[in-house]
Amino acid sequence: MPEIKSFKGIRYSLEKIENLADVVTQPYDQITDRMERDYKEKSAYNFVRLVLTKYAEGHDRQKEYADAKRFYDDWYTNEIFVQDKKAAIYPYWQEFGVGEKQYTRKGFMCVVRLEELGKGNILPHEKTLSKPKADRLNLLRITQKDFEPVFLLYTDAKNIVNKALDKYCKKDPILEVKDEKGVTHKVWAVDTPASINKIAAAIKDSIFVIADGHHRYETAYNYRNELEGVDAEHPANYKLITLVNIEDPGLVILPTHRLIRNLENFNLEDFLKKTNEYFDIKKTDRDHIVDELVASDLGTFGFYSHITAYILKLKTRDVMKEVMPDRSDEYRNLDVALLHTILIEKVLGVPPEKIEDHVKYERGAEETMRKVDSGEFQIAMLMNPTRPEQVKEVAQNRERMPQKSTDFYPKLVSGLVFYDLTQ
């Protein structure tokens, strides 16, 4: 069963940092070199100096790791950072808009005892890559600080946890900041042992599914396994996390559309003929393709080129049983599995090992179509988002989705509260 507990959070001193927006960042794997420069221009104390950028060639990583430790030590000594006196869990709300709708996603930060992914009740949902894990492990070894939480979903059908925490969130938050994307982040601290124990007990039989941060979780697990002679309560046995109820009305997953290029001798007529073996094809246009796609059920895609547009609806799911006989029904029902297996691999002839040569990913439908209009890409496949219940079902089957299957929005910003692995 997942074991969570409170911790003494470290955070920026509001006496030393007047505007938190100058120091918080997007998660490291979202930070480009350009964003890094912008963050550093905002403040000498920006958190990017600790979490660095996503793994990229051309960086002197050894120097950056050493600098991160030096910055942390200096900022802690000079009380830019302060540590809470009492162990707490930290309710964390995010207020944001998508289109014309407004949402509040309610979660809380705590630490969870590490276990091997997929062996117990903490489950992955996507595959991971070796280079980002090596990068995060090197940073963790040198700083011995858990700077960024992993985003996990938990099951709580009766909403016991949020009901217990809501009364604390009627007070003013201890931290509040609006990030560069217009998302407002609010954090409270709950240090009452009785409340903490009630919440831990409420989710002790829950399934935890990693939504974002697979690399960070596996890194923490690998780091813990490197240590010798530490007891079961050493801080490295735990990982900083943010938990969100999988049924929370503020849990939003955005679609990740596919842009395709470098197809030799692509012919629209041949494409439609092959596609018609599997899909019903309906003509549409640029102005209506998104609305028609959103109104459709699972197994539906939008095809877009600079000359035409279509809605493609799967005729029967029997084909997925034929091409994926070793997969569960829940996996075969994923639009992302259908898109890659049938449309990209079988119809377009792009094998999995060549996917990076031909397929790029884009969040917004309008931006996706614009990149086709410009000639940068030949065609686009527009998708509906994966549903939260699908993430849970596939994870419970101990299966991992293809990469770029989900885009949970918004991201958890870094620099709010973090965890010391040495005390």
Protein backbone atom coordinates (compact mmCIF):
# COMPACT_ATOMS: atom_id res chain seq x y z
CA MET A 1 0.00 0.00 0.00
CA PRO A 2 1.28 3.55 -0.67
CA GLU A 3 2.74 5.15 2.46
CA ILE A 4 2.64 8.94 2.54
CA LYS A 5 3.82 11.28 5.26
CA SER A 6 4.43 14.94 6.06
CA PHE A 7 7.79 16.69 5.75
CA LYS A 8 9.47 19.96 6.75
CA GLY A 9 9.21 21.89 3.52
CA ILE A 10 11.85 24.31 2.28
CA ARG A 11 10.62 27.38 0.39
CA TYR A 12 11.54 30.92 -0.56
CA SER A 13 11.45 33.49 2.22
CA LEU A 14 8.75 36.02 1.41
CA GLU A 15 10.78 38.58 3.36
CA LYS A 16 13.66 38.20 0.91
CA ILE A 17 11.70 37.49 -2.29
CA GLU A 18 8.99 40.07 -2.89
CA ASN A 19 7.60 38.53 -6.09
CA LEU A 20 7.49 34.74 -6.35
CA ALA A 21 6.78 35.06 -10.08
CA ASP A 22 10.40 36.14 -10.49
CA VAL A 23 11.77 32.89 -9.07
CA VAL A 24 9.42 29.97 -9.84
CA THR A 25 9.79 28.01 -13.09
CA GLN A 26 8.08 25.45 -15.22
CA PRO A 27 9.33 21.86 -14.59
CA TYR A 28 12.90 21.25 -15.76
CA ASP A 29 11.84 19.12 -18.74
CA GLN A 30 9.80 22.03 -20.12
CA ILE A 31 12.65 24.57 -19.84
CA THR A 32 14.37 25.47 -23.11
CA ASP A 33 17.62 27.39 -23.36
CA ARG A 34 15.62 30.51 -24.21
CA MET A 35 13.42 30.06 -21.15
CA GLU A 36 16.52 29.58 -19.02
CA ARG A 37 17.89 32.94 -20.16
CA ASP A 38 14.56 34.63 -19.49
CA TYR A 39 14.31 33.12 -16.02
CA LYS A 40 17.82 34.19 -15.09
CA GLU A 41 17.08 37.75 -16.21
CA LYS A 42 14.09 37.86 -13.83
CA SER A 43 16.07 37.22 -10.67
CA ALA A 44 19.50 36.20 -9.40
CA TYR A 45 17.61 33.73 -7.22
CA ASN A 46 15.53 32.08 -9.92
CA PHE A 47 14.94 28.37 -9.33
CA VAL A 48 16.26 27.47 -12.78
CA ARG A 49 19.75 27.72 -11.30
CA LEU A 50 18.90 24.68 -9.19
CA VAL A 51 16.74 22.52 -11.47
CA LEU A 52 18.59 23.42 -14.72
CA THR A 53 17.05 22.84 -18.14
CA LYS A 54 15.81 19.69 -19.84
CA TYR A 55 18.65 17.43 -20.91
CA ALA A 56 20.32 18.83 -24.03
CA GLU A 57 23.65 18.53 -25.77
CA GLY A 58 25.99 21.49 -25.54
CA HIS A 59 25.65 22.09 -21.80
CA ASP A 60 28.54 21.78 -19.36
CA ARG A 61 26.46 19.65 -17.03
CA GLN A 62 29.21 18.91 -14.49
CA LYS A 63 29.68 22.64 -13.92
CA GLU A 64 25.94 23.18 -13.78
CA TYR A 65 25.49 20.46 -11.15
CA ALA A 66 28.26 21.98 -9.00
CA ASP A 67 26.80 25.47 -9.47
CA ALA A 68 23.37 24.22 -8.38
CA LYS A 69 24.80 22.95 -5.10
CA ARG A 70 26.75 26.17 -4.58
CA PHE A 71 23.68 28.32 -5.22
CA TYR A 72 21.53 26.26 -2.88
CA ASP A 73 24.09 26.33 -0.06
CA ASP A 74 24.54 30.09 -0.42
CA TRP A 75 20.82 30.84 -0.56
CA TYR A 76 20.04 28.66 2.44
CA THR A 77 22.85 30.20 4.48
CA ASN A 78 21.62 33.71 3.61
CA GLU A 79 18.00 32.79 4.36
CA ILE A 80 16.73 33.19 0.83
CA PHE A 81 15.29 29.78 1.62
CA VAL A 82 13.60 28.95 4.92
CA GLN A 83 12.55 25.57 6.29
CA ASP A 84 9.29 25.01 8.11
CA LYS A 85 9.69 24.12 11.78
CA LYS A 86 6.93 21.51 11.79
CA ALA A 87 6.34 18.64 9.37
CA ALA A 88 3.31 19.31 7.17
CA ILE A 89 1.45 18.33 4.08
CA TYR A 90 0.79 21.16 1.65
CA PRO A 91 -2.58 21.59 -0.13
CA TYR A 92 -1.80 22.90 -3.61
CA TRP A 93 -4.49 24.43 -5.83
CA GLN A 94 -4.08 25.59 -9.40
CA GLU A 95 -6.61 28.01 -10.91
CA PHE A 96 -6.55 28.23 -14.71
CA GLY A 97 -8.54 28.55 -17.89
CA VAL A 98 -8.79 26.41 -21.01
CA GLY A 99 -10.69 28.16 -23.75
CA GLU A 100 -13.65 29.82 -22.09
CA LYS A 101 -13.79 27.41 -19.14
CA GLN A 102 -12.24 28.05 -15.74
CA TYR A 103 -10.95 25.24 -13.53
CA THR A 104 -9.46 24.65 -10.09
CA ARG A 105 -7.30 21.55 -9.74
CA LYS A 106 -6.96 20.52 -6.10
CA GLY A 107 -3.97 18.51 -4.94
CA PHE A 108 -1.57 18.30 -2.02
CA MET A 109 2.16 17.88 -1.60
CA CYS A 110 3.64 15.23 0.66
CA VAL A 111 6.32 12.54 0.43
CA VAL A 112 5.72 8.88 -0.42
CA ARG A 113 7.81 5.84 0.46
CA LEU A 114 9.62 4.70 -2.69
CA GLU A 115 8.86 1.34 -4.22
CA GLU A 116 9.72 -0.19 -7.56
CA LEU A 117 7.30 1.11 -10.18
CA GLY A 118 4.65 -1.39 -11.15
CA LYS A 119 5.48 -3.87 -8.37
CA GLY A 120 3.13 -2.44 -5.77
CA ASN A 121 0.45 0.26 -5.86
CA ILE A 122 2.50 3.02 -7.50
CA LEU A 123 2.09 2.61 -11.22
CA PRO A 124 3.67 4.24 -14.29
CA HIS A 125 1.69 5.05 -17.39
CA GLU A 126 4.41 6.00 -19.88
CA LYS A 127 7.83 4.76 -20.93
CA THR A 128 11.01 6.57 -19.85
CA LEU A 129 14.33 7.44 -21.49
CA SER A 130 17.81 6.78 -20.14
CA LYS A 131 19.47 10.19 -20.68
CA PRO A 132 17.03 12.29 -18.63
CA LYS A 133 17.24 9.77 -15.78
CA ALA A 134 21.05 9.91 -15.78
CA ASP A 135 20.91 13.71 -15.78
CA ARG A 136 18.52 13.92 -12.84
CA LEU A 137 20.48 11.29 -10.92
CA ASN A 138 23.71 13.27 -11.25
CA LEU A 139 21.97 16.42 -9.99
CA LEU A 140 20.45 14.54 -7.07
CA ARG A 141 23.77 12.99 -6.05
CA ILE A 142 25.47 16.37 -5.90
CA THR A 143 22.74 18.53 -4.33
CA GLN A 144 21.01 15.88 -2.19
CA LYS A 145 17.82 17.91 -2.55
CA ASP A 146 14.51 16.80 -4.02
CA PHE A 147 13.66 20.01 -5.86
CA GLU A 148 10.63 19.00 -7.94
CA PRO A 149 7.58 16.88 -7.10
CA VAL A 150 6.26 14.03 -9.17
CA PHE A 151 2.60 14.48 -10.16
CA LEU A 152 0.54 11.43 -9.15
CA LEU A 153 -3.14 10.58 -9.42
CA TYR A 154 -4.88 8.74 -6.59
CA THR A 155 -8.26 7.07 -6.25
CA ASP A 156 -10.71 8.57 -3.75
CA ALA A 157 -14.26 8.14 -5.08
CA LYS A 158 -15.83 9.66 -1.96
CA ASN A 159 -13.49 12.67 -2.10
CA ILE A 160 -12.56 12.20 1.56
CA VAL A 161 -9.17 13.87 1.21
CA ASN A 162 -10.30 17.12 -0.40
CA LYS A 163 -13.20 17.44 2.00
CA ALA A 164 -10.76 17.15 4.89
CA LEU A 165 -8.37 19.70 3.39
CA ASP A 166 -10.91 22.26 2.17
CA LYS A 167 -11.38 23.77 5.63
CA TYR A 168 -7.67 24.66 5.76
CA CYS A 169 -7.86 26.25 2.33
CA LYS A 170 -10.40 28.86 3.44
CA LYS A 171 -7.53 30.73 5.08
CA ASP A 172 -5.01 32.84 3.19
CA PRO A 173 -2.42 30.63 1.46
CA ILE A 174 1.18 30.68 2.64
CA LEU A 175 2.23 31.00 -1.01
CA GLU A 176 0.42 32.45 -4.01
CA VAL A 177 1.84 33.20 -7.44
CA LYS A 178 0.64 33.61 -11.03
CA ASP A 179 3.05 32.06 -13.51
CA GLU A 180 3.93 33.16 -17.04
CA LYS A 181 1.10 31.05 -18.47
CA GLY A 182 -1.52 32.84 -16.38
CA VAL A 183 -2.02 29.94 -13.95
CA THR A 184 -2.47 30.90 -10.30
CA HIS A 185 -0.81 28.56 -7.79
CA LYS A 186 -1.85 28.55 -4.12
CA VAL A 187 -0.24 26.57 -1.30
CA TRP A 188 -1.29 26.04 2.32
CA ALA A 189 0.39 24.09 5.14
CA VAL A 190 -1.40 21.51 7.29
CA ASP A 191 0.71 20.44 10.27
CA THR A 192 -1.99 18.95 12.52
CA PRO A 193 -1.04 15.30 13.09
CA ALA A 194 -4.66 14.14 13.42
CA SER A 195 -5.59 15.60 10.01
CA ILE A 196 -2.45 14.24 8.37
CA ASN A 197 -3.11 10.76 9.76
CA LYS A 198 -6.74 10.87 8.59
CA ILE A 199 -5.67 11.71 5.05
CA ALA A 200 -2.95 9.05 4.99
CA ALA A 201 -5.45 6.45 6.21
CA ALA A 202 -8.04 7.49 3.61
CA ILE A 203 -5.74 6.64 0.69
CA LYS A 204 -3.69 3.76 2.12
CA ASP A 205 -5.47 1.32 -0.21
CA SER A 206 -5.47 3.67 -3.19
CA ILE A 207 -3.81 3.13 -6.53
CA PHE A 208 -1.26 5.85 -7.33
CA VAL A 209 -0.61 6.51 -11.03
CA ILE A 210 2.20 8.77 -12.20
CA ALA A 211 0.78 11.52 -14.39
CA ASP A 212 4.01 13.52 -14.91
CA GLY A 213 7.52 12.93 -13.64
CA HIS A 214 8.31 9.30 -14.43
CA HIS A 215 12.01 10.15 -14.84
CA ARG A 216 12.14 11.92 -11.48
CA TYR A 217 10.47 9.04 -9.67
CA GLU A 218 12.77 6.40 -11.15
CA THR A 219 15.76 8.64 -10.40
CA ALA A 220 14.76 8.90 -6.72
CA TYR A 221 14.34 5.13 -6.54
CA ASN A 222 17.75 4.54 -8.13
CA TYR A 223 19.40 7.08 -5.81
CA ARG A 224 17.91 5.41 -2.74
CA ASN A 225 19.27 2.06 -3.93
CA GLU A 226 22.78 3.53 -4.26
CA LEU A 227 22.95 4.48 -0.60
CA GLU A 228 24.49 2.05 1.83
CA GLY A 229 23.90 1.66 5.52
CA VAL A 230 20.80 3.88 5.76
CA ASP A 231 17.83 2.92 7.91
CA ALA A 232 14.23 2.60 6.72
CA GLU A 233 13.35 6.15 7.78
CA HIS A 234 16.23 7.89 6.03
CA PRO A 235 14.77 10.80 3.98
CA ALA A 236 16.01 9.24 0.73
CA ASN A 237 13.45 6.45 1.19
CA TYR A 238 10.78 9.01 0.26
CA LYS A 239 9.97 11.06 -2.85
CA LEU A 240 8.38 14.50 -2.98
CA ILE A 241 5.03 14.23 -4.78
CA THR A 242 1.84 16.13 -5.54
CA LEU A 243 -1.31 14.00 -5.35
CA VAL A 244 -4.52 14.80 -7.27
CA ASN A 245 -7.75 12.80 -7.13
CA ILE A 246 -8.24 11.11 -10.50
CA GLU A 247 -11.90 12.19 -10.33
CA ASP A 248 -11.14 15.82 -9.52
CA PRO A 249 -13.21 18.08 -11.85
CA GLY A 250 -10.13 20.25 -12.35
CA LEU A 251 -8.07 17.40 -13.82
CA VAL A 252 -7.56 18.38 -17.46
CA ILE A 253 -5.74 16.41 -20.15
CA LEU A 254 -5.07 18.22 -23.41
CA PRO A 255 -4.61 16.45 -26.75
CA THR A 256 -1.19 16.18 -28.34
CA HIS A 257 -1.57 16.34 -32.11
CA ARG A 258 0.80 14.71 -34.61
CA LEU A 259 2.61 16.64 -37.35
CA ILE A 260 4.10 14.51 -40.12
CA ARG A 261 6.84 15.25 -42.67
CA ASN A 262 9.50 13.61 -44.82
CA LEU A 263 7.02 11.22 -46.45
CA GLU A 264 8.38 10.26 -49.85
CA ASN A 265 5.88 10.38 -52.72
CA PHE A 266 2.90 11.00 -50.45
CA ASN A 267 -0.28 10.72 -52.49
CA LEU A 268 -3.63 11.80 -51.03
CA GLU A 269 -5.65 9.41 -53.18
CA ASP A 270 -3.56 6.41 -52.10
CA PHE A 271 -3.75 7.52 -48.48
CA LEU A 272 -7.56 7.73 -48.55
CA LYS A 273 -7.84 4.36 -50.30
CA LYS A 274 -5.72 2.63 -47.62
CA THR A 275 -7.42 4.53 -44.82
CA ASN A 276 -10.87 3.49 -46.06
CA GLU A 277 -10.03 -0.12 -45.17
CA TYR A 278 -10.20 0.84 -41.51
CA PHE A 279 -12.05 4.16 -41.24
CA ASP A 280 -15.21 5.85 -42.41
CA ILE A 281 -14.10 9.08 -44.09
CA LYS A 282 -16.10 12.31 -43.96
CA LYS A 283 -15.09 15.50 -45.78
CA THR A 284 -14.79 18.63 -43.65
CA ASP A 285 -12.81 21.87 -43.74
CA ARG A 286 -10.39 23.94 -41.68
CA ASP A 287 -13.14 25.92 -39.97
CA HIS A 288 -15.10 22.90 -38.75
CA ILE A 289 -12.59 20.06 -38.26
CA VAL A 290 -11.90 20.80 -34.59
CA ASP A 291 -15.56 21.13 -33.55
CA GLU A 292 -16.46 17.93 -35.39
CA LEU A 293 -13.56 16.06 -33.80
CA VAL A 294 -14.40 17.23 -30.28
CA ALA A 295 -18.01 16.10 -30.76
CA SER A 296 -16.87 12.62 -31.81
CA ASP A 297 -16.35 9.47 -29.77
CA LEU A 298 -13.19 7.42 -29.24
CA GLY A 299 -11.48 6.15 -32.36
CA THR A 300 -11.92 9.37 -34.34
CA PHE A 301 -9.22 11.61 -35.84
CA GLY A 302 -8.93 14.74 -37.92
CA PHE A 303 -6.77 14.58 -41.04
CA TYR A 304 -5.50 17.93 -42.27
CA SER A 305 -3.42 18.99 -45.25
CA HIS A 306 -3.04 22.39 -46.89
CA ILE A 307 -5.59 21.40 -49.53
CA THR A 308 -8.21 19.37 -47.67
CA ALA A 309 -9.51 18.02 -44.36
CA TYR A 310 -11.35 14.87 -43.24
CA ILE A 311 -12.83 13.25 -40.15
CA LEU A 312 -11.71 9.62 -39.86
CA LYS A 313 -13.85 7.31 -37.70
CA LEU A 314 -12.77 3.73 -36.99
CA LYS A 315 -15.16 1.16 -38.49
CA THR A 316 -14.51 -1.63 -35.99
CA ARG A 317 -12.11 -2.25 -33.12
CA ASP A 318 -11.63 -5.85 -34.25
CA VAL A 319 -8.62 -4.70 -36.25
CA MET A 320 -6.84 -3.71 -33.03
CA LYS A 321 -7.22 -7.27 -31.72
CA GLU A 322 -5.53 -8.52 -34.88
CA VAL A 323 -2.56 -6.13 -34.76
CA MET A 324 -2.19 -6.09 -30.95
CA PRO A 325 -3.17 -9.57 -29.77
CA ASP A 326 -0.95 -9.35 -26.68
CA ARG A 327 -2.45 -6.08 -25.41
CA SER A 328 -5.43 -5.52 -23.14
CA ASP A 329 -8.74 -4.16 -24.40
CA GLU A 330 -8.06 -0.97 -22.41
CA TYR A 331 -4.77 -0.43 -24.25
CA ARG A 332 -6.33 -1.24 -27.63
CA ASN A 333 -9.04 1.36 -26.96
CA LEU A 334 -6.47 4.18 -26.69
CA ASP A 335 -6.68 6.63 -29.56
CA VAL A 336 -2.91 7.10 -29.42
CA ALA A 337 -2.34 3.34 -29.88
CA LEU A 338 -4.80 3.27 -32.77
CA LEU A 339 -3.27 6.32 -34.43
CA HIS A 340 0.28 5.02 -34.34
CA THR A 341 -0.47 1.37 -35.13
CA ILE A 342 -2.96 1.81 -37.95
CA LEU A 343 -2.57 5.28 -39.47
CA ILE A 344 1.12 5.99 -38.97
CA GLU A 345 2.61 2.50 -39.22
CA LYS A 346 0.24 0.58 -41.55
CA VAL A 347 -1.23 3.34 -43.75
CA LEU A 348 1.70 5.78 -43.92
CA GLY A 349 4.37 3.08 -43.63
CA VAL A 350 6.40 4.74 -40.86
CA PRO A 351 7.94 2.04 -38.61
CA PRO A 352 8.34 2.73 -34.85
CA GLU A 353 12.13 2.99 -35.12
CA LYS A 354 11.74 5.83 -37.67
CA ILE A 355 9.07 7.75 -35.80
CA GLU A 356 11.36 10.61 -34.76
CA ASP A 357 12.32 11.23 -38.40
CA HIS A 358 8.73 11.82 -39.42
CA VAL A 359 6.52 12.73 -36.45
CA LYS A 360 6.55 15.82 -34.25
CA TYR A 361 4.10 16.79 -31.53
CA GLU A 362 2.04 19.94 -31.02
CA ARG A 363 -0.53 20.89 -28.38
CA GLY A 364 -2.85 23.42 -30.04
CA ALA A 365 -4.95 22.45 -33.06
CA GLU A 366 -4.66 25.91 -34.63
CA GLU A 367 -0.87 25.96 -34.30
CA THR A 368 -0.75 22.41 -35.70
CA MET A 369 -2.69 23.38 -38.81
CA ARG A 370 -0.66 26.56 -39.23
CA LYS A 371 2.53 24.52 -39.43
CA VAL A 372 0.97 22.48 -42.23
CA ASP A 373 -0.22 25.64 -44.00
CA SER A 374 3.33 27.01 -43.91
CA GLY A 375 4.73 23.93 -45.64
CA GLU A 376 6.87 22.94 -42.65
CA PHE A 377 4.90 19.67 -42.45
CA GLN A 378 3.01 17.69 -45.08
CA ILE A 379 -0.01 16.61 -43.03
CA ALA A 380 -1.38 16.59 -39.50
CA MET A 381 -3.40 14.12 -37.46
CA LEU A 382 -5.59 15.88 -34.90
CA MET A 383 -6.61 13.96 -31.78
CA ASN A 384 -8.97 14.08 -28.85
CA PRO A 385 -7.29 13.83 -25.42
CA THR A 386 -6.79 10.63 -23.50
CA ARG A 387 -9.32 10.39 -20.67
CA PRO A 388 -8.24 10.17 -17.00
CA GLU A 389 -10.06 6.87 -16.51
CA GLN A 390 -8.11 5.41 -19.44
CA VAL A 391 -4.84 6.35 -17.76
CA LYS A 392 -5.95 4.53 -14.61
CA GLU A 393 -7.21 1.45 -16.46
CA VAL A 394 -4.08 0.98 -18.55
CA ALA A 395 -1.82 1.53 -15.54
CA GLN A 396 -3.77 -1.01 -13.47
CA ASN A 397 -3.07 -3.55 -16.22
CA ARG A 398 0.66 -2.90 -15.66
CA GLU A 399 0.94 -1.52 -19.22
CA ARG A 400 2.72 1.67 -20.24
CA MET A 401 1.27 4.01 -22.83
CA PRO A 402 3.32 5.27 -25.78
CA GLN A 403 5.14 8.55 -25.16
CA LYS A 404 3.13 11.73 -25.70
CA SER A 405 -0.11 9.93 -24.81
CA THR A 406 -1.12 12.53 -22.24
CA ASP A 407 -0.61 16.21 -21.63
CA PHE A 408 -1.85 17.03 -18.15
CA TYR A 409 -2.47 20.77 -17.92
CA PRO A 410 -1.25 22.82 -16.22
CA LYS A 411 2.19 21.65 -15.10
CA LEU A 412 3.24 21.83 -11.47
CA VAL A 413 5.53 24.83 -11.14
CA SER A 414 8.91 24.34 -9.49
CA GLY A 415 10.16 26.44 -6.59
CA LEU A 416 7.13 26.37 -4.29
CA VAL A 417 8.10 23.75 -1.70
CA PHE A 418 10.87 21.14 -1.79
CA TYR A 419 12.48 18.41 0.29
CA ASP A 420 15.89 17.84 1.90
CA LEU A 421 17.29 14.32 1.52
CA THR A 422 19.86 14.75 4.29
CA GLN A 423 17.66 15.46 7.29
